[in-house]
């Protein structure tokens, strides 16, 4: 039994929301990137080509800075609650073995 203040289900729901939001941001960034590169491919302008290269750098930067951080946060949330549950279970088992009231 967990004595932690956090409800595992609530933490998991929040982690799922982080992952879903990261995926949504990633899809939107990809959509913008695809629009820019599609435009660049149909234009002979060097400025359009430069914009496509900038879009590629922007896309990778956003994915690293935003989506990866959100996915990492979800993973860390899940790990923290699992670690706390493990500590709580060990503590309860130790109390039971010693004969202390829970």
PDB file of N, CA and C in Angstrom:
ATOM      1  N   UNK A   1       0.841  -1.185   0.000  1.00  0.00           N
ATOM      2  CA  UNK A   1       0.000   0.000   0.000  1.00  0.00           C
ATOM      3  C   UNK A   1       0.880   1.241   0.000  1.00  0.00           C
ATOM      4  N   UNK A   2       0.524   2.206  -0.787  1.00  0.00           N
ATOM      5  CA  UNK A   2       1.348   3.400  -0.934  1.00  0.00           C
ATOM      6  C   UNK A   2       0.921   4.489   0.045  1.00  0.00           C
ATOM      7  N   UNK A   3       1.898   5.079   0.698  1.00  0.00           N
ATOM      8  CA  UNK A   3       1.634   6.201   1.597  1.00  0.00           C
ATOM      9  C   UNK A   3       1.938   7.533   0.929  1.00  0.00           C
ATOM     10  N   UNK A   4       2.309   7.483  -0.313  1.00  0.00           N
ATOM     11  CA  UNK A   4       2.679   8.703  -1.020  1.00  0.00           C
ATOM     12  C   UNK A   4       1.478   9.636  -1.165  1.00  0.00           C
ATOM     13  N   UNK A   5       1.772  10.919  -1.247  1.00  0.00           N
ATOM     14  CA  UNK A   5       0.708  11.910  -1.404  1.00  0.00           C
ATOM     15  C   UNK A   5       0.137  11.899  -2.811  1.00  0.00           C
ATOM     16  N   UNK A   6       0.854  11.303  -3.736  1.00  0.00           N
ATOM     17  CA  UNK A   6       0.445  11.330  -5.126  1.00  0.00           C
ATOM     18  C   UNK A   6      -0.296  10.066  -5.502  1.00  0.00           C
ATOM     19  N   UNK A   7      -1.366  10.235  -6.205  1.00  0.00           N
ATOM     20  CA  UNK A   7      -2.142   9.112  -6.705  1.00  0.00           C
ATOM     21  C   UNK A   7      -1.490   8.644  -8.004  1.00  0.00           C
ATOM     22  N   UNK A   8      -1.155   7.357  -8.065  1.00  0.00           N
ATOM     23  CA  UNK A   8      -0.493   6.821  -9.257  1.00  0.00           C
ATOM     24  C   UNK A   8      -1.301   7.077 -10.523  1.00  0.00           C
ATOM     25  N   UNK A   9      -2.605   6.916 -10.444  1.00  0.00           N
ATOM     26  CA  UNK A   9      -3.455   7.145 -11.610  1.00  0.00           C
ATOM     27  C   UNK A   9      -3.402   8.581 -12.088  1.00  0.00           C
ATOM     28  N   UNK A  10      -3.402   9.526 -11.143  1.00  0.00           N
ATOM     29  CA  UNK A  10      -3.320  10.941 -11.509  1.00  0.00           C
ATOM     30  C   UNK A  10      -1.982  11.265 -12.164  1.00  0.00           C
ATOM     31  N   UNK A  11      -0.908  10.708 -11.619  1.00  0.00           N
ATOM     32  CA  UNK A  11       0.417  10.948 -12.188  1.00  0.00           C
ATOM     33  C   UNK A  11       0.486  10.354 -13.595  1.00  0.00           C
ATOM     34  N   UNK A  12      -0.045   9.160 -13.767  1.00  0.00           N
ATOM     35  CA  UNK A  12      -0.026   8.533 -15.094  1.00  0.00           C
ATOM     36  C   UNK A  12      -0.844   9.346 -16.096  1.00  0.00           C
ATOM     37  N   UNK A  13      -1.994   9.850 -15.668  1.00  0.00           N
ATOM     38  CA  UNK A  13      -2.806  10.685 -16.563  1.00  0.00           C
ATOM     39  C   UNK A  13      -2.037  11.932 -16.985  1.00  0.00           C
ATOM     40  N   UNK A  14      -1.334  12.545 -16.045  1.00  0.00           N
ATOM     41  CA  UNK A  14      -0.550  13.736 -16.370  1.00  0.00           C
ATOM     42  C   UNK A  14       0.596  13.377 -17.315  1.00  0.00           C
ATOM     43  N   UNK A  15       1.241  12.246 -17.081  1.00  0.00           N
ATOM     44  CA  UNK A  15       2.324  11.797 -17.958  1.00  0.00           C
ATOM     45  C   UNK A  15       1.798  11.540 -19.372  1.00  0.00           C
ATOM     46  N   UNK A  16       0.629  10.931 -19.460  1.00  0.00           N
ATOM     47  CA  UNK A  16       0.019  10.684 -20.771  1.00  0.00           C
ATOM     48  C   UNK A  16      -0.275  12.018 -21.467  1.00  0.00           C
ATOM     49  N   UNK A  17      -0.772  12.994 -20.719  1.00  0.00           N
ATOM     50  CA  UNK A  17      -1.039  14.311 -21.310  1.00  0.00           C
ATOM     51  C   UNK A  17       0.257  14.945 -21.824  1.00  0.00           C
ATOM     52  N   UNK A  18       1.351  14.809 -21.075  1.00  0.00           N
ATOM     53  CA  UNK A  18       2.638  15.341 -21.528  1.00  0.00           C
ATOM     54  C   UNK A  18       3.042  14.676 -22.853  1.00  0.00           C
ATOM     55  N   UNK A  19       2.912  13.373 -22.920  1.00  0.00           N
ATOM     56  CA  UNK A  19       3.286  12.643 -24.134  1.00  0.00           C
ATOM     57  C   UNK A  19       2.392  13.047 -25.301  1.00  0.00           C
ATOM     58  N   UNK A  20       1.090  13.147 -25.054  1.00  0.00           N
ATOM     59  CA  UNK A  20       0.161  13.543 -26.113  1.00  0.00           C
ATOM     60  C   UNK A  20       0.459  14.953 -26.613  1.00  0.00           C
ATOM     61  N   UNK A  21       0.740  15.858 -25.685  1.00  0.00           N
ATOM     62  CA  UNK A  21       1.042  17.236 -26.074  1.00  0.00           C
ATOM     63  C   UNK A  21       2.357  17.288 -26.855  1.00  0.00           C
ATOM     64  N   UNK A  22       3.342  16.519 -26.434  1.00  0.00           N
ATOM     65  CA  UNK A  22       4.613  16.463 -27.166  1.00  0.00           C
ATOM     66  C   UNK A  22       4.379  15.972 -28.592  1.00  0.00           C
ATOM     67  N   UNK A  23       3.545  14.956 -28.730  1.00  0.00           N
ATOM     68  CA  UNK A  23       3.230  14.431 -30.064  1.00  0.00           C
ATOM     69  C   UNK A  23       2.491  15.465 -30.904  1.00  0.00           C
ATOM     70  N   UNK A  24       1.565  16.189 -30.297  1.00  0.00           N
ATOM     71  CA  UNK A  24       0.809  17.220 -31.019  1.00  0.00           C
ATOM     72  C   UNK A  24       1.736  18.345 -31.478  1.00  0.00           C
ATOM     73  N   UNK A  25       2.633  18.771 -30.605  1.00  0.00           N
ATOM     74  CA  UNK A  25       3.595  19.820 -30.979  1.00  0.00           C
ATOM     75  C   UNK A  25       4.482  19.310 -32.111  1.00  0.00           C
ATOM     76  N   UNK A  26       4.943  18.085 -31.998  1.00  0.00           N
ATOM     77  CA  UNK A  26       5.779  17.507 -33.044  1.00  0.00           C
ATOM     78  C   UNK A  26       5.073  17.455 -34.389  1.00  0.00           C
ATOM     79  N   UNK A  27       3.803  17.065 -34.378  1.00  0.00           N
ATOM     80  CA  UNK A  27       3.035  17.024 -35.636  1.00  0.00           C
ATOM     81  C   UNK A  27       2.873  18.415 -36.235  1.00  0.00           C
ATOM     82  N   UNK A  28       2.606  19.400 -35.392  1.00  0.00           N
ATOM     83  CA  UNK A  28       2.424  20.767 -35.881  1.00  0.00           C
ATOM     84  C   UNK A  28       3.730  21.316 -36.458  1.00  0.00           C
ATOM     85  N   UNK A  29       4.829  21.060 -35.761  1.00  0.00           N
ATOM     86  CA  UNK A  29       6.134  21.505 -36.249  1.00  0.00           C
ATOM     87  C   UNK A  29       6.438  20.846 -37.594  1.00  0.00           C
ATOM     88  N   UNK A  30       6.159  19.553 -37.702  1.00  0.00           N
ATOM     89  CA  UNK A  30       6.376  18.850 -38.969  1.00  0.00           C
ATOM     90  C   UNK A  30       5.502  19.429 -40.075  1.00  0.00           C
ATOM     91  N   UNK A  31       4.281  19.784 -39.744  1.00  0.00           N
ATOM     92  CA  UNK A  31       3.366  20.362 -40.727  1.00  0.00           C
ATOM     93  C   UNK A  31       3.892  21.698 -41.258  1.00  0.00           C
ATOM     94  N   UNK A  32       4.345  22.543 -40.343  1.00  0.00           N
ATOM     95  CA  UNK A  32       4.905  23.839 -40.755  1.00  0.00           C
ATOM     96  C   UNK A  32       6.142  23.611 -41.628  1.00  0.00           C
ATOM     97  N   UNK A  33       7.004  22.711 -41.179  1.00  0.00           N
ATOM     98  CA  UNK A  33       8.213  22.396 -41.932  1.00  0.00           C
ATOM     99  C   UNK A  33       7.869  21.888 -43.332  1.00  0.00           C
ATOM    100  N   UNK A  34       6.913  20.982 -43.428  1.00  0.00           N
ATOM    101  CA  UNK A  34       6.520  20.443 -44.736  1.00  0.00           C
ATOM    102  C   UNK A  34       5.949  21.521 -45.648  1.00  0.00           C
ATOM    103  N   UNK A  35       5.214  22.460 -45.081  1.00  0.00           N
ATOM    104  CA  UNK A  35       4.679  23.569 -45.868  1.00  0.00           C
ATOM    105  C   UNK A  35       5.812  24.429 -46.421  1.00  0.00           C
ATOM    106  N   UNK A  36       6.767  24.762 -45.564  1.00  0.00           N
ATOM    107  CA  UNK A  36       7.895  25.592 -45.999  1.00  0.00           C
ATOM    108  C   UNK A  36       8.722  24.869 -47.059  1.00  0.00           C
ATOM    109  N   UNK A  37       9.042  23.597 -46.821  1.00  0.00           N
ATOM    110  CA  UNK A  37       9.867  22.878 -47.798  1.00  0.00           C
ATOM    111  C   UNK A  37       9.110  22.633 -49.103  1.00  0.00           C
ATOM    112  N   UNK A  38       7.808  22.441 -49.011  1.00  0.00           N
ATOM    113  CA  UNK A  38       7.001  22.296 -50.233  1.00  0.00           C
ATOM    114  C   UNK A  38       7.027  23.566 -51.061  1.00  0.00           C
ATOM    115  N   UNK A  39       6.933  24.685 -50.395  1.00  0.00           N
ATOM    116  CA  UNK A  39       7.005  25.974 -51.081  1.00  0.00           C
ATOM    117  C   UNK A  39       8.392  26.169 -51.683  1.00  0.00           C
ATOM    118  N   UNK A  40       9.417  25.811 -50.941  1.00  0.00           N
ATOM    119  CA  UNK A  40      10.792  25.979 -51.413  1.00  0.00           C
ATOM    120  C   UNK A  40      11.062  25.140 -52.657  1.00  0.00           C
ATOM    121  N   UNK A  41      10.504  23.956 -52.692  1.00  0.00           N
ATOM    122  CA  UNK A  41      10.730  23.077 -53.840  1.00  0.00           C
ATOM    123  C   UNK A  41      10.100  23.616 -55.119  1.00  0.00           C
ATOM    124  N   UNK A  42       9.038  24.384 -54.961  1.00  0.00           N
ATOM    125  CA  UNK A  42       8.350  24.897 -56.149  1.00  0.00           C
ATOM    126  C   UNK A  42       8.833  26.296 -56.538  1.00  0.00           C
ATOM    127  N   UNK A  43       9.835  26.810 -55.826  1.00  0.00           N
ATOM    128  CA  UNK A  43      10.320  28.155 -56.104  1.00  0.00           C
ATOM    129  C   UNK A  43      11.818  28.136 -56.423  1.00  0.00           C
ATOM    130  N   UNK A  44      12.225  28.824 -57.466  1.00  0.00           N
ATOM    131  CA  UNK A  44      13.650  28.882 -57.796  1.00  0.00           C
ATOM    132  C   UNK A  44      14.415  29.926 -56.969  1.00  0.00           C
ATOM    133  N   UNK A  45      13.722  30.669 -56.148  1.00  0.00           N
ATOM    134  CA  UNK A  45      14.346  31.759 -55.389  1.00  0.00           C
ATOM    135  C   UNK A  45      15.337  31.232 -54.356  1.00  0.00           C
ATOM    136  N   UNK A  46      16.486  31.878 -54.282  1.00  0.00           N
ATOM    137  CA  UNK A  46      17.480  31.513 -53.269  1.00  0.00           C
ATOM    138  C   UNK A  46      16.971  31.855 -51.867  1.00  0.00           C
ATOM    139  N   UNK A  47      16.176  32.885 -51.757  1.00  0.00           N
ATOM    140  CA  UNK A  47      15.602  33.253 -50.455  1.00  0.00           C
ATOM    141  C   UNK A  47      14.676  32.160 -49.946  1.00  0.00           C
ATOM    142  N   UNK A  48      13.915  31.571 -50.827  1.00  0.00           N
ATOM    143  CA  UNK A  48      13.019  30.487 -50.425  1.00  0.00           C
ATOM    144  C   UNK A  48      13.831  29.278 -49.975  1.00  0.00           C
ATOM    145  N   UNK A  49      14.926  29.007 -50.688  1.00  0.00           N
ATOM    146  CA  UNK A  49      15.808  27.914 -50.288  1.00  0.00           C
ATOM    147  C   UNK A  49      16.411  28.169 -48.918  1.00  0.00           C
ATOM    148  N   UNK A  50      16.783  29.395 -48.659  1.00  0.00           N
ATOM    149  CA  UNK A  50      17.333  29.756 -47.340  1.00  0.00           C
ATOM    150  C   UNK A  50      16.271  29.563 -46.262  1.00  0.00           C
ATOM    151  N   UNK A  51      15.052  29.936 -46.572  1.00  0.00           N
ATOM    152  CA  UNK A  51      13.960  29.765 -45.603  1.00  0.00           C
ATOM    153  C   UNK A  51      13.756  28.285 -45.290  1.00  0.00           C
ATOM    154  N   UNK A  52      13.900  27.438 -46.273  1.00  0.00           N
ATOM    155  CA  UNK A  52      13.745  25.995 -46.057  1.00  0.00           C
ATOM    156  C   UNK A  52      14.851  25.469 -45.146  1.00  0.00           C
ATOM    157  N   UNK A  53      16.073  25.944 -45.327  1.00  0.00           N
ATOM    158  CA  UNK A  53      17.173  25.509 -44.465  1.00  0.00           C
ATOM    159  C   UNK A  53      16.967  26.007 -43.030  1.00  0.00           C
ATOM    160  N   UNK A  54      16.488  27.220 -42.902  1.00  0.00           N
ATOM    161  CA  UNK A  54      16.194  27.764 -41.565  1.00  0.00           C
ATOM    162  C   UNK A  54      15.069  26.957 -40.916  1.00  0.00           C
ATOM    163  N   UNK A  55      14.071  26.595 -41.710  1.00  0.00           N
ATOM    164  CA  UNK A  55      12.949  25.800 -41.187  1.00  0.00           C
ATOM    165  C   UNK A  55      13.429  24.450 -40.678  1.00  0.00           C
ATOM    166  N   UNK A  56      14.399  23.865 -41.360  1.00  0.00           N
ATOM    167  CA  UNK A  56      14.924  22.572 -40.927  1.00  0.00           C
ATOM    168  C   UNK A  56      15.630  22.704 -39.581  1.00  0.00           C
ATOM    169  N   UNK A  57      16.434  23.734 -39.421  1.00  0.00           N
ATOM    170  CA  UNK A  57      17.122  23.977 -38.143  1.00  0.00           C
ATOM    171  C   UNK A  57      16.095  24.262 -37.048  1.00  0.00           C
ATOM    172  N   UNK A  58      15.096  25.072 -37.367  1.00  0.00           N
ATOM    173  CA  UNK A  58      14.041  25.414 -36.407  1.00  0.00           C
ATOM    174  C   UNK A  58      13.311  24.160 -35.959  1.00  0.00           C
ATOM    175  N   UNK A  59      12.961  23.315 -36.921  1.00  0.00           N
ATOM    176  CA  UNK A  59      12.228  22.084 -36.610  1.00  0.00           C
ATOM    177  C   UNK A  59      13.018  21.208 -35.628  1.00  0.00           C
ATOM    178  N   UNK A  60      14.272  20.995 -35.918  1.00  0.00           N
ATOM    179  CA  UNK A  60      15.097  20.160 -35.042  1.00  0.00           C
ATOM    180  C   UNK A  60      15.263  20.802 -33.666  1.00  0.00           C
ATOM    181  N   UNK A  61      15.416  22.110 -33.620  1.00  0.00           N
ATOM    182  CA  UNK A  61      15.572  22.815 -32.341  1.00  0.00           C
ATOM    183  C   UNK A  61      14.314  22.706 -31.494  1.00  0.00           C
ATOM    184  N   UNK A  62      13.168  22.889 -32.111  1.00  0.00           N
ATOM    185  CA  UNK A  62      11.904  22.799 -31.371  1.00  0.00           C
ATOM    186  C   UNK A  62      11.699  21.377 -30.863  1.00  0.00           C
ATOM    187  N   UNK A  63      11.992  20.415 -31.700  1.00  0.00           N
ATOM    188  CA  UNK A  63      11.808  19.025 -31.271  1.00  0.00           C
ATOM    189  C   UNK A  63      12.715  18.697 -30.093  1.00  0.00           C
ATOM    190  N   UNK A  64      13.946  19.197 -30.109  1.00  0.00           N
ATOM    191  CA  UNK A  64      14.849  18.948 -28.988  1.00  0.00           C
ATOM    192  C   UNK A  64      14.399  19.706 -27.745  1.00  0.00           C
ATOM    193  N   UNK A  65      14.068  20.961 -27.917  1.00  0.00           N
ATOM    194  CA  UNK A  65      13.768  21.827 -26.771  1.00  0.00           C
ATOM    195  C   UNK A  65      12.391  21.591 -26.176  1.00  0.00           C
ATOM    196  N   UNK A  66      11.429  21.237 -26.990  1.00  0.00           N
ATOM    197  CA  UNK A  66      10.058  21.134 -26.500  1.00  0.00           C
ATOM    198  C   UNK A  66       9.592  19.686 -26.416  1.00  0.00           C
ATOM    199  N   UNK A  67       9.530  19.029 -27.537  1.00  0.00           N
ATOM    200  CA  UNK A  67       8.940  17.689 -27.520  1.00  0.00           C
ATOM    201  C   UNK A  67       9.771  16.705 -26.711  1.00  0.00           C
ATOM    202  N   UNK A  68      11.081  16.733 -26.867  1.00  0.00           N
ATOM    203  CA  UNK A  68      11.912  15.793 -26.114  1.00  0.00           C
ATOM    204  C   UNK A  68      11.830  16.082 -24.616  1.00  0.00           C
ATOM    205  N   UNK A  69      11.803  17.352 -24.244  1.00  0.00           N
ATOM    206  CA  UNK A  69      11.679  17.697 -22.824  1.00  0.00           C
ATOM    207  C   UNK A  69      10.353  17.219 -22.246  1.00  0.00           C
ATOM    208  N   UNK A  70       9.284  17.346 -23.010  1.00  0.00           N
ATOM    209  CA  UNK A  70       7.975  16.898 -22.527  1.00  0.00           C
ATOM    210  C   UNK A  70       7.941  15.382 -22.382  1.00  0.00           C
ATOM    211  N   UNK A  71       8.535  14.682 -23.324  1.00  0.00           N
ATOM    212  CA  UNK A  71       8.584  13.227 -23.231  1.00  0.00           C
ATOM    213  C   UNK A  71       9.465  12.792 -22.056  1.00  0.00           C
ATOM    214  N   UNK A  72      10.587  13.491 -21.872  1.00  0.00           N
ATOM    215  CA  UNK A  72      11.461  13.196 -20.729  1.00  0.00           C
ATOM    216  C   UNK A  72      10.740  13.446 -19.410  1.00  0.00           C
ATOM    217  N   UNK A  73       9.971  14.514 -19.346  1.00  0.00           N
ATOM    218  CA  UNK A  73       9.222  14.834 -18.129  1.00  0.00           C
ATOM    219  C   UNK A  73       8.222  13.719 -17.819  1.00  0.00           C
ATOM    220  N   UNK A  74       7.530  13.232 -18.827  1.00  0.00           N
ATOM    221  CA  UNK A  74       6.571  12.141 -18.621  1.00  0.00           C
ATOM    222  C   UNK A  74       7.282  10.906 -18.073  1.00  0.00           C
ATOM    223  N   UNK A  75       8.430  10.595 -18.633  1.00  0.00           N
ATOM    224  CA  UNK A  75       9.204   9.445 -18.163  1.00  0.00           C
ATOM    225  C   UNK A  75       9.643   9.646 -16.720  1.00  0.00           C
ATOM    226  N   UNK A  76      10.116  10.833 -16.396  1.00  0.00           N
ATOM    227  CA  UNK A  76      10.573  11.118 -15.032  1.00  0.00           C
ATOM    228  C   UNK A  76       9.418  11.076 -14.035  1.00  0.00           C
ATOM    229  N   UNK A  77       8.240  11.531 -14.447  1.00  0.00           N
ATOM    230  CA  UNK A  77       7.070  11.477 -13.569  1.00  0.00           C
ATOM    231  C   UNK A  77       6.733  10.024 -13.239  1.00  0.00           C
ATOM    232  N   UNK A  78       6.727   9.188 -14.269  1.00  0.00           N
ATOM    233  CA  UNK A  78       6.417   7.768 -14.060  1.00  0.00           C
ATOM    234  C   UNK A  78       7.461   7.109 -13.163  1.00  0.00           C
ATOM    235  N   UNK A  79       8.724   7.437 -13.381  1.00  0.00           N
ATOM    236  CA  UNK A  79       9.792   6.837 -12.590  1.00  0.00           C
ATOM    237  C   UNK A  79       9.722   7.296 -11.137  1.00  0.00           C
ATOM    238  N   UNK A  80       9.434   8.573 -10.931  1.00  0.00           N
ATOM    239  CA  UNK A  80       9.358   9.098  -9.560  1.00  0.00           C
ATOM    240  C   UNK A  80       8.247   8.423  -8.770  1.00  0.00           C
ATOM    241  N   UNK A  81       7.093   8.240  -9.383  1.00  0.00           N
ATOM    242  CA  UNK A  81       5.990   7.606  -8.660  1.00  0.00           C
ATOM    243  C   UNK A  81       6.302   6.129  -8.420  1.00  0.00           C
ATOM    244  N   UNK A  82       6.939   5.478  -9.381  1.00  0.00           N
ATOM    245  CA  UNK A  82       7.310   4.068  -9.189  1.00  0.00           C
ATOM    246  C   UNK A  82       8.331   3.939  -8.062  1.00  0.00           C
ATOM    247  N   UNK A  83       9.291   4.859  -8.030  1.00  0.00           N
ATOM    248  CA  UNK A  83      10.297   4.839  -6.966  1.00  0.00           C
ATOM    249  C   UNK A  83       9.648   5.055  -5.599  1.00  0.00           C
ATOM    250  N   UNK A  84       8.699   5.993  -5.535  1.00  0.00           N
ATOM    251  CA  UNK A  84       8.045   6.283  -4.257  1.00  0.00           C
ATOM    252  C   UNK A  84       7.202   5.103  -3.794  1.00  0.00           C
ATOM    253  N   UNK A  85       6.506   4.478  -4.723  1.00  0.00           N
ATOM    254  CA  UNK A  85       5.702   3.307  -4.373  1.00  0.00           C
ATOM    255  C   UNK A  85       6.617   2.206  -3.839  1.00  0.00           C
ATOM    256  N   UNK A  86       7.754   2.016  -4.470  1.00  0.00           N
ATOM    257  CA  UNK A  86       8.703   0.995  -4.018  1.00  0.00           C
ATOM    258  C   UNK A  86       9.198   1.297  -2.609  1.00  0.00           C
ATOM    259  N   UNK A  87       9.510   2.551  -2.340  1.00  0.00           N
ATOM    260  CA  UNK A  87       9.954   2.956  -1.000  1.00  0.00           C
ATOM    261  C   UNK A  87       8.841   2.717   0.014  1.00  0.00           C
ATOM    262  N   UNK A  88       7.621   3.081  -0.348  1.00  0.00           N
ATOM    263  CA  UNK A  88       6.482   2.890   0.554  1.00  0.00           C
ATOM    264  C   UNK A  88       6.251   1.413   0.848  1.00  0.00           C
ATOM    265  N   UNK A  89       6.349   0.586  -0.183  1.00  0.00           N
ATOM    266  CA  UNK A  89       6.134  -0.852   0.011  1.00  0.00           C
ATOM    267  C   UNK A  89       7.229  -1.453   0.886  1.00  0.00           C
ATOM    268  N   UNK A  90       8.466  -1.041   0.667  1.00  0.00           N
ATOM    269  CA  UNK A  90       9.576  -1.526   1.490  1.00  0.00           C
ATOM    270  C   UNK A  90       9.402  -1.088   2.933  1.00  0.00           C
ATOM    271  N   UNK A  91       8.997   0.144   3.125  1.00  0.00           N
ATOM    272  CA  UNK A  91       8.779   0.672   4.468  1.00  0.00           C
ATOM    273  C   UNK A  91       7.661  -0.094   5.174  1.00  0.00           C
ATOM    274  N   UNK A  92       6.576  -0.349   4.463  1.00  0.00           N
ATOM    275  CA  UNK A  92       5.456  -1.087   5.054  1.00  0.00           C
ATOM    276  C   UNK A  92       5.881  -2.509   5.404  1.00  0.00           C
ATOM    277  N   UNK A  93       6.660  -3.127   4.531  1.00  0.00           N
ATOM    278  CA  UNK A  93       7.133  -4.493   4.801  1.00  0.00           C
ATOM    279  C   UNK A  93       8.055  -4.505   6.018  1.00  0.00           C
ATOM    280  N   UNK A  94       8.913  -3.513   6.126  1.00  0.00           N
ATOM    281  CA  UNK A  94       9.822  -3.428   7.272  1.00  0.00           C
ATOM    282  C   UNK A  94       9.050  -3.206   8.569  1.00  0.00           C
ATOM    283  N   UNK A  95       8.036  -2.377   8.519  1.00  0.00           N
ATOM    284  CA  UNK A  95       7.230  -2.130   9.719  1.00  0.00           C
ATOM    285  C   UNK A  95       6.498  -3.405  10.142  1.00  0.00           C
ATOM    286  N   UNK A  96       6.017  -4.142   9.149  1.00  0.00           N
ATOM    287  CA  UNK A  96       5.287  -5.385   9.426  1.00  0.00           C
ATOM    288  C   UNK A  96       6.243  -6.405  10.050  1.00  0.00           C
ATOM    289  N   UNK A  97       7.461  -6.497   9.509  1.00  0.00           N
ATOM    290  CA  UNK A  97       8.439  -7.458  10.041  1.00  0.00           C
ATOM    291  C   UNK A  97       8.863  -7.125  11.459  1.00  0.00           C
ATOM    292  N   UNK A  98       8.892  -5.839  11.779  1.00  0.00           N
ATOM    293  CA  UNK A  98       9.294  -5.402  13.108  1.00  0.00           C
ATOM    294  C   UNK A  98       8.114  -5.467  14.078  1.00  0.00           C
ATOM    295  N   UNK A  99       6.911  -5.525  13.528  1.00  0.00           N
ATOM    296  CA  UNK A  99       5.723  -5.596  14.362  1.00  0.00           C
ATOM    297  C   UNK A  99       5.177  -4.233  14.748  1.00  0.00           C
ATOM    298  N   UNK A 100       5.574  -3.188  14.040  1.00  0.00           N
ATOM    299  CA  UNK A 100       5.072  -1.848  14.319  1.00  0.00           C
ATOM    300  C   UNK A 100       3.694  -1.668  13.655  1.00  0.00           C
ATOM    301  N   UNK A 101       2.832  -0.869  14.271  1.00  0.00           N
ATOM    302  CA  UNK A 101       1.536  -0.607  13.641  1.00  0.00           C
ATOM    303  C   UNK A 101       1.735   0.218  12.372  1.00  0.00           C
ATOM    304  N   UNK A 102       0.959  -0.072  11.357  1.00  0.00           N
ATOM    305  CA  UNK A 102       1.054   0.654  10.078  1.00  0.00           C
ATOM    306  C   UNK A 102       0.243   1.889  10.094  1.00  0.00           C
TER     307      UNK A 102
END
